[in-house]
Amino acid sequence: MTTLKVGDKAPNFEALDEKENTIKLTDYKGKKLVLFFYPKASTPGCTVEACNLRDNYQSFLAQGYAILGVSADSAKRQQNFIDKNELPFPLLADEDKTVINAFKVWGPKKFMGREYDGIHRTTFVIDEKGMIEEVITKVKTKEHTGQILK
């Protein structure tokens, strides 16, 4: 779905997280960032993916990675998702889809024979200089950490 590829500069973004703090790509300068886009907070696949990242959070920190999740859910829904699953990383409440569109992960999808527009589950690994190091479009929700930390 996305046209962004390895070697591209990550689109600069600014959005509110679950606590309505402004988060920007520049906040992560000098760190590696795992930016994962997921369709909807508290749905089965998204919960499995977020919990897989949570369960391996110390491994990410040990290797110099920060983690940031993004969906079009409200700040309240993102906060509930964090509270319910004890997620240790912020989630952007990108209701106007600014970040989602910047990374080109919104588009037509099919589910159970029905077509609709939504977020394509995609993860971007961004290096310390803001360059895209990896794009994961075929996310395995149960093994996502293994796809990122090879």
C-alpha atoms as a PDB file:
ATOM      1  CA  MET A   1       0.000   0.000   0.000  1.00  0.00           C
ATOM      2  CA  THR A   2       2.585   2.588   1.080  1.00  0.00           C
ATOM      3  CA  THR A   3       4.947   3.968  -1.545  1.00  0.00           C
ATOM      4  CA  LEU A   4       7.573   4.823   1.064  1.00  0.00           C
ATOM      5  CA  LYS A   5      10.615   2.576   0.924  1.00  0.00           C
ATOM      6  CA  VAL A   6      13.918   1.854   2.621  1.00  0.00           C
ATOM      7  CA  GLY A   7      16.247   4.839   2.244  1.00  0.00           C
ATOM      8  CA  ASP A   8      13.431   7.425   2.070  1.00  0.00           C
ATOM      9  CA  LYS A   9      13.301  10.239   4.598  1.00  0.00           C
ATOM     10  CA  ALA A  10      10.442   9.532   7.010  1.00  0.00           C
ATOM     11  CA  PRO A  11       7.639  12.093   6.656  1.00  0.00           C
ATOM     12  CA  ASN A  12       7.823  14.671   9.415  1.00  0.00           C
ATOM     13  CA  PHE A  13       4.762  14.530  11.638  1.00  0.00           C
ATOM     14  CA  GLU A  14       3.146  16.133  14.628  1.00  0.00           C
ATOM     15  CA  ALA A  15       0.118  14.610  16.369  1.00  0.00           C
ATOM     16  CA  LEU A  16      -1.452  14.167  19.789  1.00  0.00           C
ATOM     17  CA  ASP A  17      -0.970  11.032  21.844  1.00  0.00           C
ATOM     18  CA  GLU A  18      -3.432   9.414  24.273  1.00  0.00           C
ATOM     19  CA  LYS A  19      -2.674  12.078  26.912  1.00  0.00           C
ATOM     20  CA  GLU A  20      -3.047  14.860  24.322  1.00  0.00           C
ATOM     21  CA  ASN A  21       0.704  15.573  24.393  1.00  0.00           C
ATOM     22  CA  THR A  22       2.128  16.726  21.067  1.00  0.00           C
ATOM     23  CA  ILE A  23       4.494  14.113  19.630  1.00  0.00           C
ATOM     24  CA  LYS A  24       6.750  14.910  16.673  1.00  0.00           C
ATOM     25  CA  LEU A  25       9.148  12.828  14.610  1.00  0.00           C
ATOM     26  CA  THR A  26      11.899  15.248  15.679  1.00  0.00           C
ATOM     27  CA  ASP A  27      11.354  14.122  19.311  1.00  0.00           C
ATOM     28  CA  TYR A  28      13.040  10.859  18.266  1.00  0.00           C
ATOM     29  CA  LYS A  29      16.132  12.371  16.635  1.00  0.00           C
ATOM     30  CA  GLY A  30      19.153  10.351  17.730  1.00  0.00           C
ATOM     31  CA  LYS A  31      16.981   7.296  18.513  1.00  0.00           C
ATOM     32  CA  LYS A  32      15.707   4.445  16.408  1.00  0.00           C
ATOM     33  CA  LEU A  33      11.922   4.452  16.178  1.00  0.00           C
ATOM     34  CA  VAL A  34       9.483   1.618  15.560  1.00  0.00           C
ATOM     35  CA  LEU A  35       6.378   3.352  14.175  1.00  0.00           C
ATOM     36  CA  PHE A  36       3.548   0.848  13.892  1.00  0.00           C
ATOM     37  CA  PHE A  37       0.201   1.599  12.290  1.00  0.00           C
ATOM     38  CA  TYR A  38      -2.746  -0.570  13.292  1.00  0.00           C
ATOM     39  CA  PRO A  39      -6.406  -0.536  12.205  1.00  0.00           C
ATOM     40  CA  LYS A  40      -8.286  -0.186  15.514  1.00  0.00           C
ATOM     41  CA  ALA A  41      -7.466  -0.143  19.231  1.00  0.00           C
ATOM     42  CA  SER A  42      -8.726  -3.080  21.320  1.00  0.00           C
ATOM     43  CA  THR A  43      -9.529  -5.329  18.347  1.00  0.00           C
ATOM     44  CA  PRO A  44      -8.085  -8.879  18.446  1.00  0.00           C
ATOM     45  CA  GLY A  45      -5.231  -8.555  15.911  1.00  0.00           C
ATOM     46  CA  CYS A  46      -4.202  -5.110  17.114  1.00  0.00           C
ATOM     47  CA  THR A  47      -4.190  -6.276  20.735  1.00  0.00           C
ATOM     48  CA  VAL A  48      -1.995  -9.302  19.887  1.00  0.00           C
ATOM     49  CA  GLU A  49       0.434  -7.049  17.968  1.00  0.00           C
ATOM     50  CA  ALA A  50       0.634  -4.368  20.686  1.00  0.00           C
ATOM     51  CA  CYS A  51       1.060  -6.986  23.435  1.00  0.00           C
ATOM     52  CA  ASN A  52       3.839  -8.717  21.467  1.00  0.00           C
ATOM     53  CA  LEU A  53       5.705  -5.391  21.342  1.00  0.00           C
ATOM     54  CA  ARG A  54       4.921  -4.787  25.040  1.00  0.00           C
ATOM     55  CA  ASP A  55       6.229  -8.216  26.071  1.00  0.00           C
ATOM     56  CA  ASN A  56       9.520  -7.502  24.292  1.00  0.00           C
ATOM     57  CA  TYR A  57       9.747  -3.816  25.211  1.00  0.00           C
ATOM     58  CA  GLN A  58      12.956  -4.221  27.248  1.00  0.00           C
ATOM     59  CA  SER A  59      14.674  -5.830  24.239  1.00  0.00           C
ATOM     60  CA  PHE A  60      13.718  -2.828  22.111  1.00  0.00           C
ATOM     61  CA  LEU A  61      15.017  -0.384  24.740  1.00  0.00           C
ATOM     62  CA  ALA A  62      18.243  -2.381  25.106  1.00  0.00           C
ATOM     63  CA  GLN A  63      18.850  -1.987  21.353  1.00  0.00           C
ATOM     64  CA  GLY A  64      18.100   1.756  21.382  1.00  0.00           C
ATOM     65  CA  TYR A  65      14.564   1.664  19.962  1.00  0.00           C
ATOM     66  CA  ALA A  66      11.565   3.756  20.941  1.00  0.00           C
ATOM     67  CA  ILE A  67       8.082   2.473  20.006  1.00  0.00           C
ATOM     68  CA  LEU A  68       5.130   4.560  18.886  1.00  0.00           C
ATOM     69  CA  GLY A  69       1.742   3.214  17.757  1.00  0.00           C
ATOM     70  CA  VAL A  70      -0.681   5.030  15.452  1.00  0.00           C
ATOM     71  CA  SER A  71      -4.357   4.572  14.614  1.00  0.00           C
ATOM     72  CA  ALA A  72      -7.310   6.851  13.871  1.00  0.00           C
ATOM     73  CA  ASP A  73      -8.838   6.165  17.304  1.00  0.00           C
ATOM     74  CA  SER A  74      -9.664   8.937  19.777  1.00  0.00           C
ATOM     75  CA  ALA A  75      -7.290   9.797  22.634  1.00  0.00           C
ATOM     76  CA  LYS A  76      -9.774   8.246  25.090  1.00  0.00           C
ATOM     77  CA  ARG A  77      -9.896   4.972  23.143  1.00  0.00           C
ATOM     78  CA  GLN A  78      -6.086   4.905  22.909  1.00  0.00           C
ATOM     79  CA  GLN A  79      -5.804   5.508  26.680  1.00  0.00           C
ATOM     80  CA  ASN A  80      -8.252   2.644  27.350  1.00  0.00           C
ATOM     81  CA  PHE A  81      -6.184   0.381  25.053  1.00  0.00           C
ATOM     82  CA  ILE A  82      -3.020   1.296  27.003  1.00  0.00           C
ATOM     83  CA  ASP A  83      -4.675   0.833  30.414  1.00  0.00           C
ATOM     84  CA  LYS A  84      -6.312  -2.482  29.523  1.00  0.00           C
ATOM     85  CA  ASN A  85      -3.106  -3.989  28.099  1.00  0.00           C
ATOM     86  CA  GLU A  86      -0.494  -2.156  30.197  1.00  0.00           C
ATOM     87  CA  LEU A  87       1.239  -0.793  27.098  1.00  0.00           C
ATOM     88  CA  PRO A  88       4.490   1.029  27.991  1.00  0.00           C
ATOM     89  CA  PHE A  89       4.637   3.189  24.839  1.00  0.00           C
ATOM     90  CA  PRO A  90       2.552   6.123  23.566  1.00  0.00           C
ATOM     91  CA  LEU A  91      -0.194   5.790  20.953  1.00  0.00           C
ATOM     92  CA  LEU A  92      -1.049   8.599  18.569  1.00  0.00           C
ATOM     93  CA  ALA A  93      -4.726   9.488  18.298  1.00  0.00           C
ATOM     94  CA  ASP A  94      -4.559  10.403  14.607  1.00  0.00           C
ATOM     95  CA  GLU A  95      -8.274  11.062  14.150  1.00  0.00           C
ATOM     96  CA  ASP A  96      -7.750  13.438  11.214  1.00  0.00           C
ATOM     97  CA  LYS A  97      -5.372  10.872   9.626  1.00  0.00           C
ATOM     98  CA  THR A  98      -2.534  13.382   9.137  1.00  0.00           C
ATOM     99  CA  VAL A  99       0.206  10.887  10.070  1.00  0.00           C
ATOM    100  CA  ILE A 100      -1.660   7.952   8.489  1.00  0.00           C
ATOM    101  CA  ASN A 101      -1.871   9.818   5.163  1.00  0.00           C
ATOM    102  CA  ALA A 102       1.723  11.094   5.378  1.00  0.00           C
ATOM    103  CA  PHE A 103       2.931   7.475   5.581  1.00  0.00           C
ATOM    104  CA  LYS A 104       0.382   6.409   2.921  1.00  0.00           C
ATOM    105  CA  VAL A 105      -1.132   3.537   4.917  1.00  0.00           C
ATOM    106  CA  TRP A 106      -4.810   4.471   4.367  1.00  0.00           C
ATOM    107  CA  GLY A 107      -6.676   2.880   1.487  1.00  0.00           C
ATOM    108  CA  PRO A 108      -9.104   0.266   0.208  1.00  0.00           C
ATOM    109  CA  LYS A 109      -9.254  -3.013   2.124  1.00  0.00           C
ATOM    110  CA  LYS A 110     -11.312  -6.191   1.926  1.00  0.00           C
ATOM    111  CA  PHE A 111     -12.646  -8.098   4.886  1.00  0.00           C
ATOM    112  CA  MET A 112     -15.157 -10.936   4.703  1.00  0.00           C
ATOM    113  CA  GLY A 113     -16.130  -9.974   1.155  1.00  0.00           C
ATOM    114  CA  ARG A 114     -16.741  -6.338   2.052  1.00  0.00           C
ATOM    115  CA  GLU A 115     -14.671  -3.458   0.684  1.00  0.00           C
ATOM    116  CA  TYR A 116     -13.973  -0.348   2.724  1.00  0.00           C
ATOM    117  CA  ASP A 117     -11.218   2.205   3.393  1.00  0.00           C
ATOM    118  CA  GLY A 118      -9.003   1.688   6.403  1.00  0.00           C
ATOM    119  CA  ILE A 119      -5.500   1.530   7.805  1.00  0.00           C
ATOM    120  CA  HIS A 120      -3.186  -1.059   6.313  1.00  0.00           C
ATOM    121  CA  ARG A 121      -1.255  -2.656   9.194  1.00  0.00           C
ATOM    122  CA  THR A 122       2.286  -1.464   8.460  1.00  0.00           C
ATOM    123  CA  THR A 123       5.412  -0.879  10.533  1.00  0.00           C
ATOM    124  CA  PHE A 124       8.240   1.517   9.733  1.00  0.00           C
ATOM    125  CA  VAL A 125      11.644   1.279  11.384  1.00  0.00           C
ATOM    126  CA  ILE A 126      13.200   4.741  11.313  1.00  0.00           C
ATOM    127  CA  ASP A 127      16.883   5.315  12.072  1.00  0.00           C
ATOM    128  CA  GLU A 128      18.503   7.987  14.264  1.00  0.00           C
ATOM    129  CA  LYS A 129      18.642  10.436  11.342  1.00  0.00           C
ATOM    130  CA  GLY A 130      14.961  10.086  10.394  1.00  0.00           C
ATOM    131  CA  MET A 131      15.545   7.761   7.439  1.00  0.00           C
ATOM    132  CA  ILE A 132      13.383   4.684   6.822  1.00  0.00           C
ATOM    133  CA  GLU A 133      15.459   1.606   7.584  1.00  0.00           C
ATOM    134  CA  GLU A 134      12.710  -0.956   7.061  1.00  0.00           C
ATOM    135  CA  VAL A 135       9.072  -1.182   5.945  1.00  0.00           C
ATOM    136  CA  ILE A 136       7.075  -4.202   7.138  1.00  0.00           C
ATOM    137  CA  THR A 137       3.814  -4.578   5.207  1.00  0.00           C
ATOM    138  CA  LYS A 138       3.109  -8.232   6.026  1.00  0.00           C
ATOM    139  CA  VAL A 139       2.950  -7.881   9.794  1.00  0.00           C
ATOM    140  CA  LYS A 140       2.720 -11.134  11.757  1.00  0.00           C
ATOM    141  CA  THR A 141       0.893  -9.916  14.862  1.00  0.00           C
ATOM    142  CA  LYS A 142       2.078 -12.784  17.117  1.00  0.00           C
ATOM    143  CA  GLU A 143       5.710 -12.575  15.971  1.00  0.00           C
ATOM    144  CA  HIS A 144       6.100  -8.883  15.212  1.00  0.00           C
ATOM    145  CA  THR A 145       9.111  -8.347  17.480  1.00  0.00           C
ATOM    146  CA  GLY A 146      10.969 -11.062  15.571  1.00  0.00           C
ATOM    147  CA  GLN A 147      10.240  -9.278  12.296  1.00  0.00           C
ATOM    148  CA  ILE A 148      11.764  -6.053  13.651  1.00  0.00           C
ATOM    149  CA  LEU A 149      14.669  -7.273  15.828  1.00  0.00           C
ATOM    150  CA  LYS A 150      16.379  -9.737  13.550  1.00  0.00           C
END
